[in-house]
Amino acid sequence: NALADAFLDKLAHDEETRFEVLGLFVQEVTKSTGDKQLDRQEVNAAA
């Protein structure tokens, strides 16, 4: 949660949006949270 909060803070204050990196992040997280359950590898991949 601390990592996610820091990520969201950086994202809110970032002047330059890097679509490729954010796209990969969104794909990874939505793939992981699709079954409404995260295992250790999925949490690590999101981090």
All heavy atoms as atom14 arrays in JSON, in Angstrom:
{
  "sequence": "NALADAFLDKLAHDEETRFEVLGLFVQEVTKSTGDKQLDRQEVNAAA",
  "atom14_mask": [
    [1, 1, 1, 1, 1, 1, 1, 1, 0, 0, 0, 0, 0, 0],
    [1, 1, 1, 1, 1, 0, 0, 0, 0, 0, 0, 0, 0, 0],
    [1, 1, 1, 1, 1, 1, 1, 1, 0, 0, 0, 0, 0, 0],
    [1, 1, 1, 1, 1, 0, 0, 0, 0, 0, 0, 0, 0, 0],
    [1, 1, 1, 1, 1, 1, 1, 1, 0, 0, 0, 0, 0, 0],
    [1, 1, 1, 1, 1, 0, 0, 0, 0, 0, 0, 0, 0, 0],
    [1, 1, 1, 1, 1, 1, 1, 1, 1, 1, 1, 0, 0, 0],
    [1, 1, 1, 1, 1, 1, 1, 1, 0, 0, 0, 0, 0, 0],
    [1, 1, 1, 1, 1, 1, 1, 1, 0, 0, 0, 0, 0, 0],
    [1, 1, 1, 1, 1, 1, 1, 1, 1, 0, 0, 0, 0, 0],
    [1, 1, 1, 1, 1, 1, 1, 1, 0, 0, 0, 0, 0, 0],
    [1, 1, 1, 1, 1, 0, 0, 0, 0, 0, 0, 0, 0, 0],
    [1, 1, 1, 1, 1, 1, 1, 1, 1, 1, 0, 0, 0, 0],
    [1, 1, 1, 1, 1, 1, 1, 1, 0, 0, 0, 0, 0, 0],
    [1, 1, 1, 1, 1, 1, 1, 1, 1, 0, 0, 0, 0, 0],
    [1, 1, 1, 1, 1, 1, 1, 1, 1, 0, 0, 0, 0, 0],
    [1, 1, 1, 1, 1, 1, 1, 0, 0, 0, 0, 0, 0, 0],
    [1, 1, 1, 1, 1, 1, 1, 1, 1, 1, 1, 0, 0, 0],
    [1, 1, 1, 1, 1, 1, 1, 1, 1, 1, 1, 0, 0, 0],
    [1, 1, 1, 1, 1, 1, 1, 1, 1, 0, 0, 0, 0, 0],
    [1, 1, 1, 1, 1, 1, 1, 0, 0, 0, 0, 0, 0, 0],
    [1, 1, 1, 1, 1, 1, 1, 1, 0, 0, 0, 0, 0, 0],
    [1, 1, 1, 1, 0, 0, 0, 0, 0, 0, 0, 0, 0, 0],
    [1, 1, 1, 1, 1, 1, 1, 1, 0, 0, 0, 0, 0, 0],
    [1, 1, 1, 1, 1, 1, 1, 1, 1, 1, 1, 0, 0, 0],
    [1, 1, 1, 1, 1, 1, 1, 0, 0, 0, 0, 0, 0, 0],
    [1, 1, 1, 1, 1, 1, 1, 1, 1, 0, 0, 0, 0, 0],
    [1, 1, 1, 1, 1, 1, 1, 1, 1, 0, 0, 0, 0, 0],
    [1, 1, 1, 1, 1, 1, 1, 0, 0, 0, 0, 0, 0, 0],
    [1, 1, 1, 1, 1, 1, 1, 0, 0, 0, 0, 0, 0, 0],
    [1, 1, 1, 1, 1, 1, 1, 1, 1, 0, 0, 0, 0, 0],
    [1, 1, 1, 1, 1, 1, 0, 0, 0, 0, 0, 0, 0, 0],
    [1, 1, 1, 1, 1, 1, 1, 0, 0, 0, 0, 0, 0, 0],
    [1, 1, 1, 1, 0, 0, 0, 0, 0, 0, 0, 0, 0, 0],
    [1, 1, 1, 1, 1, 1, 1, 1, 0, 0, 0, 0, 0, 0],
    [1, 1, 1, 1, 1, 1, 1, 1, 1, 0, 0, 0, 0, 0],
    [1, 1, 1, 1, 1, 1, 1, 1, 1, 0, 0, 0, 0, 0],
    [1, 1, 1, 1, 1, 1, 1, 1, 0, 0, 0, 0, 0, 0],
    [1, 1, 1, 1, 1, 1, 1, 1, 0, 0, 0, 0, 0, 0],
    [1, 1, 1, 1, 1, 1, 1, 1, 1, 1, 1, 0, 0, 0],
    [1, 1, 1, 1, 1, 1, 1, 1, 1, 0, 0, 0, 0, 0],
    [1, 1, 1, 1, 1, 1, 1, 1, 1, 0, 0, 0, 0, 0],
    [1, 1, 1, 1, 1, 1, 1, 0, 0, 0, 0, 0, 0, 0],
    [1, 1, 1, 1, 1, 1, 1, 1, 0, 0, 0, 0, 0, 0],
    [1, 1, 1, 1, 1, 0, 0, 0, 0, 0, 0, 0, 0, 0],
    [1, 1, 1, 1, 1, 0, 0, 0, 0, 0, 0, 0, 0, 0],
    [1, 1, 1, 1, 1, 0, 0, 0, 0, 0, 0, 0, 0, 0]
  ],
  "atom14_positions": [
    [[0.82, -1.21, 0.0], [0.0, 0.0, 0.0], [0.86, 1.26, 0.0], [0.51, 2.25, -0.65], [-0.95, 0.0, 1.19], [-2.08, -0.99, 1.02], [-2.4, -1.4, -0.09], [-2.68, -1.38, 2.12], [0.0, 0.0, 0.0], [0.0, 0.0, 0.0], [0.0, 0.0, 0.0], [0.0, 0.0, 0.0], [0.0, 0.0, 0.0], [0.0, 0.0, 0.0]],
    [[1.97, 1.23, 0.73], [2.88, 2.38, 0.72], [3.47, 2.58, -0.67], [3.58, 3.72, -1.15], [3.99, 2.18, 1.75], [0.0, 0.0, 0.0], [0.0, 0.0, 0.0], [0.0, 0.0, 0.0], [0.0, 0.0, 0.0], [0.0, 0.0, 0.0], [0.0, 0.0, 0.0], [0.0, 0.0, 0.0], [0.0, 0.0, 0.0], [0.0, 0.0, 0.0]],
    [[3.84, 1.49, -1.32], [4.37, 1.57, -2.69], [3.3, 2.11, -3.63], [3.56, 3.0, -4.44], [4.85, 0.19, -3.16], [5.27, 0.08, -4.62], [6.48, 0.95, -4.9], [5.54, -1.36, -4.99], [0.0, 0.0, 0.0], [0.0, 0.0, 0.0], [0.0, 0.0, 0.0], [0.0, 0.0, 0.0], [0.0, 0.0, 0.0], [0.0, 0.0, 0.0]],
    [[2.07, 1.59, -3.52], [0.99, 2.05, -4.39], [0.67, 3.52, -4.15], [0.44, 4.28, -5.1], [-0.24, 1.19, -4.18], [0.0, 0.0, 0.0], [0.0, 0.0, 0.0], [0.0, 0.0, 0.0], [0.0, 0.0, 0.0], [0.0, 0.0, 0.0], [0.0, 0.0, 0.0], [0.0, 0.0, 0.0], [0.0, 0.0, 0.0], [0.0, 0.0, 0.0]],
    [[0.67, 3.94, -2.89], [0.41, 5.35, -2.6], [1.51, 6.26, -3.15], [1.22, 7.33, -3.7], [0.27, 5.56, -1.09], [-1.01, 4.95, -0.54], [-1.95, 4.72, -1.33], [-1.05, 4.69, 0.68], [0.0, 0.0, 0.0], [0.0, 0.0, 0.0], [0.0, 0.0, 0.0], [0.0, 0.0, 0.0], [0.0, 0.0, 0.0], [0.0, 0.0, 0.0]],
    [[2.76, 5.81, -3.02], [3.86, 6.6, -3.59], [3.77, 6.64, -5.11], [4.03, 7.67, -5.73], [5.21, 6.01, -3.15], [0.0, 0.0, 0.0], [0.0, 0.0, 0.0], [0.0, 0.0, 0.0], [0.0, 0.0, 0.0], [0.0, 0.0, 0.0], [0.0, 0.0, 0.0], [0.0, 0.0, 0.0], [0.0, 0.0, 0.0], [0.0, 0.0, 0.0]],
    [[3.37, 5.52, -5.72], [3.18, 5.46, -7.17], [2.09, 6.45, -7.61], [2.27, 7.2, -8.57], [2.82, 4.03, -7.6], [2.43, 3.9, -9.03], [3.39, 3.88, -10.03], [1.09, 3.8, -9.4], [3.02, 3.76, -11.37], [0.72, 3.69, -10.72], [1.69, 3.66, -11.71], [0.0, 0.0, 0.0], [0.0, 0.0, 0.0], [0.0, 0.0, 0.0]],
    [[0.97, 6.43, -6.9], [-0.14, 7.33, -7.24], [0.26, 8.8, -7.06], [-0.14, 9.66, -7.85], [-1.37, 7.0, -6.41], [-2.03, 5.65, -6.74], [-3.13, 5.34, -5.74], [-2.54, 5.62, -8.16], [0.0, 0.0, 0.0], [0.0, 0.0, 0.0], [0.0, 0.0, 0.0], [0.0, 0.0, 0.0], [0.0, 0.0, 0.0], [0.0, 0.0, 0.0]],
    [[1.06, 9.07, -6.03], [1.53, 10.44, -5.81], [2.45, 10.88, -6.94], [2.33, 11.99, -7.46], [2.24, 10.53, -4.46], [2.63, 11.95, -4.11], [1.74, 12.84, -4.16], [3.82, 12.19, -3.8], [0.0, 0.0, 0.0], [0.0, 0.0, 0.0], [0.0, 0.0, 0.0], [0.0, 0.0, 0.0], [0.0, 0.0, 0.0], [0.0, 0.0, 0.0]],
    [[3.38, 10.0, -7.33], [4.28, 10.32, -8.45], [3.48, 10.53, -9.73], [3.76, 11.44, -10.51], [5.28, 9.18, -8.67], [6.36, 9.12, -7.66], [7.51, 9.89, -8.2], [8.73, 9.55, -7.38], [9.75, 10.53, -7.57], [0.0, 0.0, 0.0], [0.0, 0.0, 0.0], [0.0, 0.0, 0.0], [0.0, 0.0, 0.0], [0.0, 0.0, 0.0]],
    [[2.49, 9.68, -9.93], [1.67, 9.76, -11.14], [0.91, 11.08, -11.19], [0.82, 11.71, -12.24], [0.7, 8.58, -11.19], [-0.16, 8.44, -12.42], [0.7, 8.19, -13.65], [-1.14, 7.31, -12.23], [0.0, 0.0, 0.0], [0.0, 0.0, 0.0], [0.0, 0.0, 0.0], [0.0, 0.0, 0.0], [0.0, 0.0, 0.0], [0.0, 0.0, 0.0]],
    [[0.4, 11.52, -10.06], [-0.38, 12.76, -10.0], [0.5, 13.98, -10.27], [0.03, 14.97, -10.83], [-1.06, 12.89, -8.65], [0.0, 0.0, 0.0], [0.0, 0.0, 0.0], [0.0, 0.0, 0.0], [0.0, 0.0, 0.0], [0.0, 0.0, 0.0], [0.0, 0.0, 0.0], [0.0, 0.0, 0.0], [0.0, 0.0, 0.0], [0.0, 0.0, 0.0]],
    [[1.76, 13.92, -9.86], [2.64, 15.08, -10.0], [3.6, 14.97, -11.17], [4.46, 15.83, -11.34], [3.42, 15.3, -8.7], [2.52, 15.64, -7.55], [2.08, 14.71, -6.66], [1.95, 16.82, -7.19], [1.29, 15.29, -5.77], [1.19, 16.57, -6.07], [0.0, 0.0, 0.0], [0.0, 0.0, 0.0], [0.0, 0.0, 0.0], [0.0, 0.0, 0.0]],
    [[3.48, 13.93, -11.97], [4.37, 13.73, -13.11], [3.92, 14.6, -14.27], [2.76, 14.56, -14.68], [4.38, 12.26, -13.51], [5.5, 11.93, -14.47], [6.39, 12.78, -14.7], [5.52, 10.8, -14.99], [0.0, 0.0, 0.0], [0.0, 0.0, 0.0], [0.0, 0.0, 0.0], [0.0, 0.0, 0.0], [0.0, 0.0, 0.0], [0.0, 0.0, 0.0]],
    [[4.83, 15.38, -14.79], [4.52, 16.25, -15.93], [4.5, 15.48, -17.24], [3.73, 15.77, -18.13], [5.55, 17.38, -16.02], [5.49, 18.33, -14.85], [4.18, 19.08, -14.76], [3.61, 19.43, -15.8], [3.71, 19.29, -13.62], [0.0, 0.0, 0.0], [0.0, 0.0, 0.0], [0.0, 0.0, 0.0], [0.0, 0.0, 0.0], [0.0, 0.0, 0.0]],
    [[5.37, 14.49, -17.35], [5.49, 13.73, -18.59], [4.83, 12.36, -18.4], [5.19, 11.61, -17.5], [6.96, 13.53, -18.94], [7.2, 12.68, -20.16], [8.67, 12.36, -20.36], [9.51, 12.99, -19.72], [8.96, 11.47, -21.16], [0.0, 0.0, 0.0], [0.0, 0.0, 0.0], [0.0, 0.0, 0.0], [0.0, 0.0, 0.0], [0.0, 0.0, 0.0]],
    [[3.86, 12.05, -19.22], [3.19, 10.76, -19.14], [3.86, 9.81, -20.12], [3.94, 10.08, -21.31], [1.7, 10.91, -19.49], [1.13, 11.89, -18.63], [0.96, 9.62, -19.32], [0.0, 0.0, 0.0], [0.0, 0.0, 0.0], [0.0, 0.0, 0.0], [0.0, 0.0, 0.0], [0.0, 0.0, 0.0], [0.0, 0.0, 0.0], [0.0, 0.0, 0.0]],
    [[4.34, 8.69, -19.6], [4.97, 7.66, -20.43], [3.94, 6.56, -20.68], [3.72, 5.69, -19.84], [6.21, 7.13, -19.72], [7.28, 8.21, -19.55], [8.51, 7.68, -18.86], [8.27, 7.12, -17.55], [8.25, 7.81, -16.41], [8.48, 9.1, -16.44], [8.03, 7.22, -15.27], [0.0, 0.0, 0.0], [0.0, 0.0, 0.0], [0.0, 0.0, 0.0]],
    [[3.32, 6.62, -21.84], [2.2, 5.74, -22.14], [2.6, 4.27, -22.17], [1.83, 3.42, -21.74], [1.57, 6.13, -23.49], [1.03, 7.51, -23.49], [1.7, 8.53, -24.13], [-0.14, 7.8, -22.83], [1.2, 9.8, -24.12], [-0.65, 9.08, -22.81], [0.02, 10.08, -23.46], [0.0, 0.0, 0.0], [0.0, 0.0, 0.0], [0.0, 0.0, 0.0]],
    [[3.78, 3.97, -22.69], [4.19, 2.58, -22.8], [4.31, 1.95, -21.42], [3.84, 0.85, -21.18], [5.53, 2.46, -23.54], [5.52, 3.0, -24.94], [5.73, 4.5, -25.02], [6.2, 5.1, -24.03], [5.42, 5.08, -26.06], [0.0, 0.0, 0.0], [0.0, 0.0, 0.0], [0.0, 0.0, 0.0], [0.0, 0.0, 0.0], [0.0, 0.0, 0.0]],
    [[4.94, 2.66, -20.5], [5.17, 2.14, -19.15], [3.84, 2.03, -18.39], [3.57, 1.02, -17.74], [6.18, 3.03, -18.4], [6.35, 2.57, -16.97], [7.52, 3.02, -19.12], [0.0, 0.0, 0.0], [0.0, 0.0, 0.0], [0.0, 0.0, 0.0], [0.0, 0.0, 0.0], [0.0, 0.0, 0.0], [0.0, 0.0, 0.0], [0.0, 0.0, 0.0]],
    [[3.02, 3.06, -18.49], [1.73, 3.02, -17.82], [0.83, 1.95, -18.43], [0.07, 1.28, -17.72], [1.04, 4.38, -17.88], [1.65, 5.48, -17.02], [0.87, 6.77, -17.17], [1.71, 5.07, -15.57], [0.0, 0.0, 0.0], [0.0, 0.0, 0.0], [0.0, 0.0, 0.0], [0.0, 0.0, 0.0], [0.0, 0.0, 0.0], [0.0, 0.0, 0.0]],
    [[0.92, 1.77, -19.72], [0.14, 0.73, -20.38], [0.53, -0.65, -19.9], [-0.33, -1.5, -19.64], [0.0, 0.0, 0.0], [0.0, 0.0, 0.0], [0.0, 0.0, 0.0], [0.0, 0.0, 0.0], [0.0, 0.0, 0.0], [0.0, 0.0, 0.0], [0.0, 0.0, 0.0], [0.0, 0.0, 0.0], [0.0, 0.0, 0.0], [0.0, 0.0, 0.0]],
    [[1.83, -0.89, -19.77], [2.3, -2.18, -19.26], [1.86, -2.39, -17.82], [1.46, -3.49, -17.42], [3.82, -2.28, -19.37], [4.37, -2.35, -20.78], [5.89, -2.3, -20.77], [3.89, -3.61, -21.47], [0.0, 0.0, 0.0], [0.0, 0.0, 0.0], [0.0, 0.0, 0.0], [0.0, 0.0, 0.0], [0.0, 0.0, 0.0], [0.0, 0.0, 0.0]],
    [[1.89, -1.32, -17.01], [1.44, -1.41, -15.63], [-0.04, -1.78, -15.57], [-0.44, -2.68, -14.84], [1.7, -0.1, -14.89], [0.98, -0.01, -13.58], [1.4, -0.76, -12.5], [-0.12, 0.8, -13.43], [0.73, -0.7, -11.3], [-0.8, 0.87, -12.24], [-0.37, 0.12, -11.17], [0.0, 0.0, 0.0], [0.0, 0.0, 0.0], [0.0, 0.0, 0.0]],
    [[-0.85, -1.08, -16.34], [-2.29, -1.33, -16.32], [-2.59, -2.76, -16.8], [-3.42, -3.46, -16.22], [-3.04, -0.28, -17.16], [-4.5, -0.65, -17.35], [-2.93, 1.08, -16.51], [0.0, 0.0, 0.0], [0.0, 0.0, 0.0], [0.0, 0.0, 0.0], [0.0, 0.0, 0.0], [0.0, 0.0, 0.0], [0.0, 0.0, 0.0], [0.0, 0.0, 0.0]],
    [[-1.9, -3.2, -17.84], [-2.1, -4.57, -18.34], [-1.74, -5.6, -17.27], [-2.47, -6.57, -17.07], [-1.26, -4.82, -19.58], [-1.8, -4.19, -20.82], [-0.88, -4.43, -22.02], [0.25, -4.88, -21.88], [-1.37, -4.13, -23.19], [0.0, 0.0, 0.0], [0.0, 0.0, 0.0], [0.0, 0.0, 0.0], [0.0, 0.0, 0.0], [0.0, 0.0, 0.0]],
    [[-0.62, -5.4, -16.62], [-0.17, -6.35, -15.6], [-1.15, -6.41, -14.44], [-1.5, -7.49, -13.98], [1.22, -5.95, -15.09], [1.84, -6.93, -14.13], [2.1, -8.28, -14.76], [2.6, -8.34, -15.88], [1.77, -9.3, -14.12], [0.0, 0.0, 0.0], [0.0, 0.0, 0.0], [0.0, 0.0, 0.0], [0.0, 0.0, 0.0], [0.0, 0.0, 0.0]],
    [[-1.6, -5.27, -13.98], [-2.49, -5.24, -12.82], [-3.87, -5.78, -13.18], [-4.45, -6.55, -12.41], [-2.56, -3.82, -12.22], [-3.61, -3.74, -11.14], [-1.21, -3.43, -11.65], [0.0, 0.0, 0.0], [0.0, 0.0, 0.0], [0.0, 0.0, 0.0], [0.0, 0.0, 0.0], [0.0, 0.0, 0.0], [0.0, 0.0, 0.0], [0.0, 0.0, 0.0]],
    [[-4.41, -5.4, -14.31], [-5.74, -5.9, -14.68], [-5.71, -7.4, -14.95], [-6.67, -8.1, -14.64], [-6.33, -5.15, -15.88], [-5.41, -5.19, -16.96], [-6.65, -3.73, -15.52], [0.0, 0.0, 0.0], [0.0, 0.0, 0.0], [0.0, 0.0, 0.0], [0.0, 0.0, 0.0], [0.0, 0.0, 0.0], [0.0, 0.0, 0.0], [0.0, 0.0, 0.0]],
    [[-4.61, -7.89, -15.49], [-4.47, -9.34, -15.69], [-4.42, -10.04, -14.34], [-5.04, -11.08, -14.14], [-3.2, -9.64, -16.5], [-2.94, -11.1, -16.73], [-1.69, -11.31, -17.56], [-0.49, -10.97, -16.72], [0.79, -11.29, -17.33], [0.0, 0.0, 0.0], [0.0, 0.0, 0.0], [0.0, 0.0, 0.0], [0.0, 0.0, 0.0], [0.0, 0.0, 0.0]],
    [[-3.72, -9.45, -13.39], [-3.56, -10.07, -12.07], [-4.84, -10.0, -11.25], [-5.17, -10.93, -10.52], [-2.43, -9.37, -11.3], [-1.22, -9.49, -11.99], [0.0, 0.0, 0.0], [0.0, 0.0, 0.0], [0.0, 0.0, 0.0], [0.0, 0.0, 0.0], [0.0, 0.0, 0.0], [0.0, 0.0, 0.0], [0.0, 0.0, 0.0], [0.0, 0.0, 0.0]],
    [[-5.55, -8.89, -11.32], [-6.74, -8.72, -10.49], [-8.01, -9.22, -11.16], [-9.1, -9.08, -10.59], [-6.93, -7.24, -10.11], [-7.07, -6.47, -11.3], [-5.79, -6.73, -9.27], [0.0, 0.0, 0.0], [0.0, 0.0, 0.0], [0.0, 0.0, 0.0], [0.0, 0.0, 0.0], [0.0, 0.0, 0.0], [0.0, 0.0, 0.0], [0.0, 0.0, 0.0]],
    [[-7.9, -9.82, -12.31], [-9.08, -10.29, -13.03], [-9.87, -11.33, -12.27], [-11.09, -11.36, -12.33], [0.0, 0.0, 0.0], [0.0, 0.0, 0.0], [0.0, 0.0, 0.0], [0.0, 0.0, 0.0], [0.0, 0.0, 0.0], [0.0, 0.0, 0.0], [0.0, 0.0, 0.0], [0.0, 0.0, 0.0], [0.0, 0.0, 0.0], [0.0, 0.0, 0.0]],
    [[-9.21, -12.19, -11.53], [-9.9, -13.24, -10.77], [-10.23, -12.81, -9.34], [-10.63, -13.62, -8.52], [-9.09, -14.52, -10.77], [-7.71, -14.35, -10.15], [-7.33, -13.22, -9.82], [-7.0, -15.37, -10.0], [0.0, 0.0, 0.0], [0.0, 0.0, 0.0], [0.0, 0.0, 0.0], [0.0, 0.0, 0.0], [0.0, 0.0, 0.0], [0.0, 0.0, 0.0]],
    [[-10.04, -11.53, -9.04], [-10.35, -10.94, -7.72], [-9.54, -11.58, -6.6], [-9.94, -11.59, -5.46], [-11.85, -11.05, -7.4], [-12.74, -10.42, -8.41], [-12.56, -8.94, -8.45], [-13.51, -8.32, -9.46], [-13.08, -7.07, -9.94], [0.0, 0.0, 0.0], [0.0, 0.0, 0.0], [0.0, 0.0, 0.0], [0.0, 0.0, 0.0], [0.0, 0.0, 0.0]],
    [[-8.38, -12.11, -6.95], [-7.49, -12.69, -5.96], [-6.07, -12.54, -6.48], [-5.79, -12.76, -7.65], [-7.82, -14.18, -5.79], [-7.47, -14.72, -4.46], [-8.1, -16.08, -4.25], [-8.64, -16.68, -5.15], [-8.02, -16.57, -3.03], [0.0, 0.0, 0.0], [0.0, 0.0, 0.0], [0.0, 0.0, 0.0], [0.0, 0.0, 0.0], [0.0, 0.0, 0.0]],
    [[-5.17, -12.16, -5.58], [-3.77, -11.99, -5.96], [-2.93, -13.02, -5.23], [-3.1, -13.22, -4.03], [-3.28, -10.58, -5.59], [-3.87, -9.41, -6.37], [-3.44, -8.1, -5.76], [-3.44, -9.49, -7.8], [0.0, 0.0, 0.0], [0.0, 0.0, 0.0], [0.0, 0.0, 0.0], [0.0, 0.0, 0.0], [0.0, 0.0, 0.0], [0.0, 0.0, 0.0]],
    [[-2.03, -13.65, -5.96], [-1.06, -14.51, -5.28], [0.26, -13.76, -5.18], [0.37, -12.61, -5.6], [-0.91, -15.86, -6.0], [-0.37, -15.74, -7.42], [0.09, -14.64, -7.8], [-0.39, -16.74, -8.15], [0.0, 0.0, 0.0], [0.0, 0.0, 0.0], [0.0, 0.0, 0.0], [0.0, 0.0, 0.0], [0.0, 0.0, 0.0], [0.0, 0.0, 0.0]],
    [[1.24, -14.41, -4.62], [2.52, -13.74, -4.34], [3.18, -13.23, -5.62], [3.67, -12.11, -5.67], [3.44, -14.73, -3.61], [4.76, -14.13, -3.2], [5.58, -15.2, -2.45], [6.93, -14.75, -2.26], [7.35, -14.08, -1.2], [6.5, -13.8, -0.24], [8.59, -13.7, -1.11], [0.0, 0.0, 0.0], [0.0, 0.0, 0.0], [0.0, 0.0, 0.0]],
    [[3.17, -14.03, -6.68], [3.81, -13.62, -7.93], [3.09, -12.45, -8.56], [3.72, -11.56, -9.13], [3.86, -14.79, -8.93], [4.95, -15.79, -8.66], [4.59, -16.77, -7.56], [3.42, -16.92, -7.21], [5.58, -17.42, -6.99], [0.0, 0.0, 0.0], [0.0, 0.0, 0.0], [0.0, 0.0, 0.0], [0.0, 0.0, 0.0], [0.0, 0.0, 0.0]],
    [[1.77, -12.42, -8.48], [1.02, -11.32, -9.08], [1.25, -10.01, -8.33], [1.36, -8.95, -8.94], [-0.47, -11.67, -9.1], [-0.81, -12.78, -10.07], [-2.24, -13.25, -9.95], [-2.85, -13.09, -8.88], [-2.74, -13.81, -10.96], [0.0, 0.0, 0.0], [0.0, 0.0, 0.0], [0.0, 0.0, 0.0], [0.0, 0.0, 0.0], [0.0, 0.0, 0.0]],
    [[1.35, -10.1, -7.0], [1.64, -8.9, -6.21], [3.04, -8.39, -6.55], [3.25, -7.19, -6.74], [1.51, -9.19, -4.7], [2.01, -8.01, -3.89], [0.07, -9.5, -4.34], [0.0, 0.0, 0.0], [0.0, 0.0, 0.0], [0.0, 0.0, 0.0], [0.0, 0.0, 0.0], [0.0, 0.0, 0.0], [0.0, 0.0, 0.0], [0.0, 0.0, 0.0]],
    [[3.98, -9.31, -6.66], [5.34, -8.92, -7.01], [5.4, -8.33, -8.41], [6.11, -7.35, -8.65], [6.29, -10.11, -6.89], [6.56, -10.48, -5.46], [6.54, -9.64, -4.58], [6.81, -11.75, -5.22], [0.0, 0.0, 0.0], [0.0, 0.0, 0.0], [0.0, 0.0, 0.0], [0.0, 0.0, 0.0], [0.0, 0.0, 0.0], [0.0, 0.0, 0.0]],
    [[4.65, -8.91, -9.34], [4.64, -8.37, -10.71], [4.05, -6.97, -10.74], [4.56, -6.09, -11.45], [3.85, -9.31, -11.62], [0.0, 0.0, 0.0], [0.0, 0.0, 0.0], [0.0, 0.0, 0.0], [0.0, 0.0, 0.0], [0.0, 0.0, 0.0], [0.0, 0.0, 0.0], [0.0, 0.0, 0.0], [0.0, 0.0, 0.0], [0.0, 0.0, 0.0]],
    [[3.0, -6.73, -9.97], [2.41, -5.39, -9.91], [3.38, -4.4, -9.29], [3.52, -3.27, -9.75], [1.1, -5.42, -9.13], [0.0, 0.0, 0.0], [0.0, 0.0, 0.0], [0.0, 0.0, 0.0], [0.0, 0.0, 0.0], [0.0, 0.0, 0.0], [0.0, 0.0, 0.0], [0.0, 0.0, 0.0], [0.0, 0.0, 0.0], [0.0, 0.0, 0.0]],
    [[4.08, -4.84, -8.24], [5.06, -3.97, -7.59], [6.21, -3.64, -8.53], [6.65, -2.49, -8.61], [5.58, -4.62, -6.31], [0.0, 0.0, 0.0], [0.0, 0.0, 0.0], [0.0, 0.0, 0.0], [0.0, 0.0, 0.0], [0.0, 0.0, 0.0], [0.0, 0.0, 0.0], [0.0, 0.0, 0.0], [0.0, 0.0, 0.0], [0.0, 0.0, 0.0]]
  ]
}
